[in-house]
Amino acid sequence: MSRRKKFQRIGIVAKVASRDAVHTAHELAEWLRRRGLAVALDEATLRARGAGTGDGEAAPFRPEDSYDLVVVLGGDGTLLSVARALAGPVPILGVNLGNLGFLTEINRSELYPAMVQVLAGRFKTEERSLFDVELQRNGSGSMRFRVLNDAVINKSALARIIELTLRIDGHLVASFRADGLIISTPTGSTAYNLSAGGPILSPLLPVAVLTPICPHALSLRPIVVPDTGAIEITLETQREEVYLTLDGQEGTTFGYRDVVRISRSPAKIRLAKVGQRGFYDSLRGKLRWGGLAGAGTEGSGGSGKGEP
């Protein structure tokens, strides 16, 4: 368990498109304030309730500021956007108000029992790797991104099959034709990679998985490589619409002879873990693999909605 620390400032970010998430964010903010804690709410949540940035005692949440904990209310997509933007290894507690959710740790009904445990220091933190992504334009500058799940190169709906060259640490791996390529972190292995037929990886492995999307050659299969190597992909096809998408949330065009370089980031994120539920419990439950859930693994230290 994490060593007990005195929490002073907590950030709350809600999925603004969800009325339930926005309502829960304000409810949680009041619950924390009654316990003498400073609270920062994301500005979209403040606006969604028709308030200014001075709603009660809540300050606006800014990712570059310092927090003892950040609570994310929504789904994996909301957590992804927060994780990429945070400055420093702040513990993130994800509350799943969406559908599947591999990153969000607890359900809405477990929120307040889990918060009691976290504030008492009875939680673990799990580090997850991030990838730094550099897009080097063919003679016209570069762009940089950071991803927790994946970087995806794919053609538009009307484009023909594209040709890519893949190198790792300068060594040619393959030149191939496909609809695209997914370069995934272990955390992202249960996202687009899984849908495209790639393997599920333990999120703690120091690796990257490269999964071709509908490759022309059936012998071209997903490959898992150490994340210490520099991954480089070059587009060899001219006059086609191709895109580079980051965590499914950011994107840009990817042109002829442009190069994407991917490496493990020195930064990491820390997910707050409460109770005994682990990665394999999540796989079994969320992917409906069957079998008993196991005593003590379903809850996060309490049951029921709890009192706000």
Protein backbone atom coordinates (compact mmCIF):
# COMPACT_ATOMS: atom_id res chain seq x y z
CA MET A 1 0.00 0.00 0.00
CA SER A 2 1.04 3.60 -0.49
CA ARG A 3 2.57 5.30 2.53
CA ARG A 4 0.04 7.51 4.19
CA LYS A 5 0.34 11.13 3.15
CA LYS A 6 -1.66 14.20 3.97
CA PHE A 7 -3.76 15.20 1.01
CA GLN A 8 -4.23 18.91 0.54
CA ARG A 9 -5.22 19.58 -3.07
CA ILE A 10 -7.29 17.34 -5.31
CA GLY A 11 -8.17 17.85 -8.96
CA ILE A 12 -11.44 16.58 -10.43
CA VAL A 13 -12.03 16.12 -14.17
CA ALA A 14 -15.40 14.96 -15.53
CA LYS A 15 -16.57 13.84 -18.93
CA VAL A 16 -18.41 17.01 -19.76
CA ALA A 17 -20.79 15.28 -22.21
CA SER A 18 -22.12 13.17 -19.32
CA ARG A 19 -24.64 14.85 -17.03
CA ASP A 20 -24.02 12.12 -14.46
CA ALA A 21 -20.26 12.79 -14.51
CA VAL A 22 -20.73 16.56 -14.12
CA HIS A 23 -23.21 16.11 -11.26
CA THR A 24 -20.90 13.60 -9.55
CA ALA A 25 -17.93 15.98 -9.93
CA HIS A 26 -19.71 18.77 -8.05
CA GLU A 27 -21.03 16.35 -5.45
CA LEU A 28 -17.53 14.95 -4.88
CA ALA A 29 -16.05 18.45 -4.70
CA GLU A 30 -18.45 19.37 -1.89
CA TRP A 31 -17.70 16.06 -0.10
CA LEU A 32 -13.97 16.83 -0.21
CA ARG A 33 -14.38 20.46 0.86
CA ARG A 34 -16.30 19.34 3.94
CA ARG A 35 -13.17 17.38 4.84
CA GLY A 36 -10.98 20.44 4.64
CA LEU A 37 -9.42 19.75 1.23
CA ALA A 38 -8.80 22.23 -1.58
CA VAL A 39 -10.55 21.21 -4.79
CA ALA A 40 -9.96 22.15 -8.44
CA LEU A 41 -12.63 21.37 -11.05
CA ASP A 42 -12.00 21.39 -14.79
CA GLU A 43 -13.39 24.50 -16.42
CA ALA A 44 -15.72 22.59 -18.76
CA THR A 45 -17.40 21.03 -15.73
CA LEU A 46 -17.75 24.42 -14.07
CA ARG A 47 -19.31 25.86 -17.23
CA ALA A 48 -21.63 22.87 -17.65
CA ARG A 49 -23.23 23.71 -14.33
CA GLY A 50 -23.66 27.33 -15.36
CA ALA A 51 -20.98 28.52 -12.96
CA GLY A 52 -17.87 30.60 -13.39
CA THR A 53 -14.43 29.48 -12.37
CA GLY A 54 -15.21 30.53 -8.81
CA ASP A 55 -17.96 27.98 -8.15
CA GLY A 56 -18.06 27.80 -4.37
CA GLU A 57 -14.53 27.10 -3.24
CA ALA A 58 -13.51 25.16 -6.36
CA ALA A 59 -10.62 26.57 -8.36
CA PRO A 60 -10.20 25.77 -12.07
CA PHE A 61 -8.21 22.60 -12.70
CA ARG A 62 -5.00 23.16 -14.67
CA PRO A 63 -2.92 20.09 -15.65
CA GLU A 64 0.34 21.99 -15.21
CA ASP A 65 -0.41 22.72 -11.54
CA SER A 66 0.53 20.52 -8.58
CA TYR A 67 -2.01 18.09 -7.08
CA ASP A 68 -1.88 15.28 -4.54
CA LEU A 69 -4.51 13.29 -6.47
CA VAL A 70 -6.58 13.68 -9.63
CA VAL A 71 -9.99 11.99 -9.83
CA VAL A 72 -11.28 11.35 -13.37
CA LEU A 73 -15.02 10.77 -13.77
CA GLY A 74 -16.04 9.27 -17.11
CA GLY A 75 -14.41 6.58 -19.21
CA ASP A 76 -11.02 5.61 -20.53
CA GLY A 77 -11.10 8.42 -23.10
CA THR A 78 -11.41 11.08 -20.40
CA LEU A 79 -8.57 9.51 -18.43
CA LEU A 80 -6.36 9.35 -21.53
CA SER A 81 -6.72 13.08 -22.18
CA VAL A 82 -5.89 13.91 -18.56
CA ALA A 83 -2.94 11.51 -18.32
CA ARG A 84 -1.20 13.00 -21.37
CA ALA A 85 -1.48 16.53 -20.02
CA LEU A 86 -0.49 16.13 -16.35
CA ALA A 87 2.81 17.57 -15.20
CA GLY A 88 4.54 15.08 -12.93
CA PRO A 89 3.61 11.64 -11.57
CA VAL A 90 0.33 12.56 -9.87
CA PRO A 91 -1.79 9.54 -8.79
CA ILE A 92 -4.91 9.30 -10.96
CA LEU A 93 -8.06 7.59 -9.69
CA GLY A 94 -10.36 6.68 -12.57
CA VAL A 95 -14.10 6.27 -11.96
CA ASN A 96 -15.88 4.42 -14.75
CA LEU A 97 -19.11 6.11 -15.83
CA GLY A 98 -18.78 4.80 -19.39
CA ASN A 99 -18.97 1.35 -20.93
CA LEU A 100 -15.95 -0.98 -21.01
CA GLY A 101 -13.17 0.91 -19.24
CA PHE A 102 -9.82 -0.82 -18.63
CA LEU A 103 -8.10 2.26 -17.18
CA THR A 104 -10.86 3.50 -14.90
CA GLU A 105 -10.39 1.66 -11.62
CA ILE A 106 -13.75 1.80 -9.85
CA ASN A 107 -17.48 2.11 -10.56
CA ARG A 108 -19.75 4.96 -9.50
CA SER A 109 -21.16 2.90 -6.61
CA GLU A 110 -17.66 2.43 -5.21
CA LEU A 111 -16.60 6.09 -5.36
CA TYR A 112 -17.01 7.21 -1.76
CA PRO A 113 -15.80 4.01 -0.07
CA ALA A 114 -12.76 4.17 -2.37
CA MET A 115 -12.14 7.84 -1.57
CA VAL A 116 -12.18 7.05 2.16
CA GLN A 117 -9.45 4.47 1.57
CA VAL A 118 -7.39 6.73 -0.64
CA LEU A 119 -7.51 9.65 1.78
CA ALA A 120 -6.42 7.26 4.55
CA GLY A 121 -3.43 6.21 2.42
CA ARG A 122 -4.74 2.68 1.82
CA PHE A 123 -4.03 2.43 -1.89
CA LYS A 124 -1.35 1.36 -4.34
CA THR A 125 -0.02 3.13 -7.38
CA GLU A 126 0.75 1.40 -10.66
CA GLU A 127 3.08 3.03 -13.16
CA ARG A 128 2.19 2.95 -16.85
CA SER A 129 4.55 3.75 -19.72
CA LEU A 130 4.00 6.56 -22.19
CA PHE A 131 5.37 6.83 -25.72
CA ASP A 132 6.82 9.98 -27.25
CA VAL A 133 5.82 10.33 -30.90
CA GLU A 134 7.60 12.59 -33.39
CA LEU A 135 6.22 13.20 -36.86
CA GLN A 136 9.01 14.38 -39.15
CA ARG A 137 7.53 16.03 -42.22
CA ASN A 138 9.27 15.49 -45.53
CA GLY A 139 11.18 18.75 -45.62
CA SER A 140 8.73 20.85 -43.62
CA GLY A 141 9.35 20.61 -39.88
CA SER A 142 8.13 18.24 -37.19
CA MET A 143 5.38 17.71 -34.62
CA ARG A 144 5.57 15.98 -31.23
CA PHE A 145 2.96 14.10 -29.25
CA ARG A 146 2.70 11.87 -26.20
CA VAL A 147 0.45 8.79 -26.01
CA LEU A 148 -0.70 6.38 -23.32
CA ASN A 149 -2.55 3.96 -25.62
CA ASP A 150 -1.35 4.07 -29.21
CA ALA A 151 -0.28 5.83 -32.35
CA VAL A 152 -2.18 4.68 -35.44
CA ILE A 153 -1.30 5.19 -39.10
CA ASN A 154 -4.26 4.49 -41.36
CA LYS A 155 -5.72 5.40 -44.69
CA SER A 156 -8.93 7.34 -45.17
CA ALA A 157 -12.15 5.65 -46.18
CA LEU A 158 -11.59 6.17 -49.93
CA ALA A 159 -7.82 5.68 -50.10
CA ARG A 160 -6.21 2.60 -51.58
CA ILE A 161 -3.94 0.28 -49.65
CA ILE A 162 -0.78 2.05 -48.49
CA GLU A 163 2.88 1.01 -48.32
CA LEU A 164 4.93 1.47 -45.15
CA THR A 165 8.54 0.79 -44.21
CA LEU A 166 9.23 -0.25 -40.63
CA ARG A 167 12.62 0.04 -38.94
CA ILE A 168 13.65 -0.62 -35.35
CA ASP A 169 16.93 0.85 -34.09
CA GLY A 170 17.84 1.55 -37.71
CA HIS A 171 17.35 -2.07 -38.79
CA LEU A 172 14.88 -2.75 -41.58
CA VAL A 173 12.07 -4.98 -40.31
CA ALA A 174 9.61 -4.93 -43.21
CA SER A 175 8.29 -3.00 -46.19
CA PHE A 176 4.65 -3.92 -46.49
CA ARG A 177 1.25 -2.96 -47.85
CA ALA A 178 -1.72 -2.66 -45.52
CA ASP A 179 -4.58 -0.41 -44.45
CA GLY A 180 -2.31 0.89 -41.71
CA LEU A 181 -0.31 0.10 -38.60
CA ILE A 182 -0.98 0.33 -34.84
CA ILE A 183 1.93 1.04 -32.52
CA SER A 184 0.61 0.33 -29.05
CA THR A 185 1.85 0.57 -25.49
CA PRO A 186 1.06 -2.40 -23.23
CA THR A 187 -1.74 -0.30 -21.72
CA GLY A 188 -3.19 0.24 -25.20
CA SER A 189 -3.09 -3.46 -26.09
CA THR A 190 -6.75 -3.78 -25.00
CA ALA A 191 -7.83 -0.88 -27.22
CA TYR A 192 -7.63 -0.71 -31.05
CA ASN A 193 -4.84 -3.29 -31.02
CA LEU A 194 -7.19 -5.90 -29.57
CA SER A 195 -9.89 -5.17 -32.14
CA ALA A 196 -7.31 -5.53 -34.94
CA GLY A 197 -6.24 -8.99 -33.76
CA GLY A 198 -3.20 -7.98 -31.73
CA PRO A 199 -2.20 -9.66 -28.47
CA ILE A 200 -3.27 -8.63 -24.99
CA LEU A 201 -0.24 -7.59 -22.95
CA SER A 202 0.26 -7.12 -19.25
CA PRO A 203 0.38 -3.33 -18.82
CA LEU A 204 3.57 -3.62 -16.78
CA LEU A 205 5.70 -5.09 -19.58
CA PRO A 206 8.49 -2.85 -21.03
CA VAL A 207 7.46 -3.49 -24.64
CA ALA A 208 5.62 -2.11 -27.66
CA VAL A 209 3.30 -4.08 -29.95
CA LEU A 210 3.16 -3.40 -33.70
CA THR A 211 -0.06 -4.60 -35.31
CA PRO A 212 -0.62 -4.24 -39.08
CA ILE A 213 -4.19 -3.37 -40.08
CA CYS A 214 -5.46 -5.75 -42.78
CA PRO A 215 -2.00 -6.47 -44.28
CA HIS A 216 -1.80 -7.59 -47.91
CA ALA A 217 0.61 -10.40 -46.98
CA LEU A 218 -0.99 -12.89 -44.60
CA SER A 219 2.44 -13.77 -43.20
CA LEU A 220 2.76 -10.29 -41.68
CA ARG A 221 1.64 -10.72 -38.08
CA PRO A 222 1.68 -8.53 -34.95
CA ILE A 223 5.11 -8.31 -33.35
CA VAL A 224 6.09 -7.43 -29.77
CA VAL A 225 9.41 -5.59 -29.36
CA PRO A 226 11.30 -4.02 -26.42
CA ASP A 227 10.31 -0.41 -25.87
CA THR A 228 13.97 0.54 -25.48
CA GLY A 229 14.33 0.52 -29.27
CA ALA A 230 13.57 3.42 -31.59
CA ILE A 231 10.61 2.59 -33.86
CA GLU A 232 10.50 4.35 -37.22
CA ILE A 233 7.77 4.17 -39.87
CA THR A 234 7.98 5.84 -43.29
CA LEU A 235 5.09 6.29 -45.71
CA GLU A 236 6.13 5.17 -49.21
CA THR A 237 2.82 5.81 -50.98
CA GLN A 238 2.13 9.01 -52.92
CA ARG A 239 -1.16 10.85 -53.50
CA GLU A 240 -3.21 9.06 -50.85
CA GLU A 241 -5.00 10.41 -47.79
CA VAL A 242 -3.27 8.95 -44.75
CA TYR A 243 -3.57 10.02 -41.12
CA LEU A 244 -1.63 9.69 -37.89
CA THR A 245 -3.98 9.41 -34.89
CA LEU A 246 -2.82 9.65 -31.27
CA ASP A 247 -4.83 7.88 -28.56
CA GLY A 248 -7.87 8.23 -30.82
CA GLN A 249 -8.11 11.88 -29.75
CA GLU A 250 -5.53 13.87 -31.70
CA GLY A 251 -4.55 13.53 -35.31
CA THR A 252 -2.86 14.99 -38.35
CA THR A 253 -2.19 14.12 -41.97
CA PHE A 254 0.69 11.80 -42.82
CA GLY A 255 2.28 12.44 -46.22
CA TYR A 256 4.62 10.76 -48.68
CA ARG A 257 8.08 10.17 -47.14
CA ASP A 258 6.97 11.55 -43.80
CA VAL A 259 8.50 9.61 -40.90
CA VAL A 260 7.00 8.72 -37.51
CA ARG A 261 9.53 8.02 -34.75
CA ILE A 262 8.33 6.43 -31.52
CA SER A 263 10.27 5.87 -28.31
CA ARG A 264 9.52 5.26 -24.66
CA SER A 265 8.94 8.53 -22.83
CA PRO A 266 10.89 9.36 -19.69
CA ALA A 267 7.53 10.40 -18.21
CA LYS A 268 5.11 7.88 -16.69
CA ILE A 269 1.63 8.03 -15.26
CA ARG A 270 0.57 6.59 -11.92
CA LEU A 271 -2.84 4.95 -11.56
CA ALA A 272 -4.26 4.73 -8.06
CA LYS A 273 -5.39 1.19 -7.21
CA VAL A 274 -7.82 0.44 -4.39
CA GLY A 275 -8.70 -3.05 -3.15
CA GLN A 276 -7.59 -6.35 -4.62
CA ARG A 277 -8.95 -6.12 -8.17
CA GLY A 278 -6.17 -6.64 -10.69
CA PHE A 279 -5.55 -6.71 -14.42
CA TYR A 280 -6.63 -10.32 -14.84
CA ASP A 281 -9.85 -9.68 -12.90
CA SER A 282 -10.56 -6.85 -15.33
CA LEU A 283 -9.92 -9.10 -18.34
CA ARG A 284 -12.17 -11.81 -17.02
CA GLY A 285 -14.98 -9.45 -16.13
CA LYS A 286 -14.89 -6.94 -18.98
CA LEU A 287 -14.20 -9.47 -21.76
CA ARG A 288 -16.67 -11.97 -20.25
CA TRP A 289 -14.21 -14.85 -20.10
CA GLY A 290 -16.30 -16.60 -17.45
CA GLY A 291 -15.28 -18.15 -14.15
CA LEU A 292 -15.80 -16.97 -10.62
CA ALA A 293 -14.90 -13.40 -9.90
CA GLY A 294 -13.10 -14.35 -6.71
CA ALA A 295 -13.88 -13.28 -3.20
CA GLY A 296 -12.83 -9.77 -2.39
CA THR A 297 -11.92 -8.73 -5.93
CA GLU A 298 -15.13 -7.10 -7.09
CA GLY A 299 -15.33 -4.25 -4.62
CA SER A 300 -12.91 -1.50 -3.80
CA GLY A 301 -13.12 -1.67 -0.05
CA GLY A 302 -16.86 -1.19 0.29
CA SER A 303 -20.18 -1.74 -1.37
CA GLY A 304 -23.11 0.47 -2.06
CA LYS A 305 -23.25 4.04 -3.21
CA GLY A 306 -22.02 5.56 0.03
CA GLU A 307 -23.01 8.90 1.45
CA PRO A 308 -21.85 12.05 -0.29
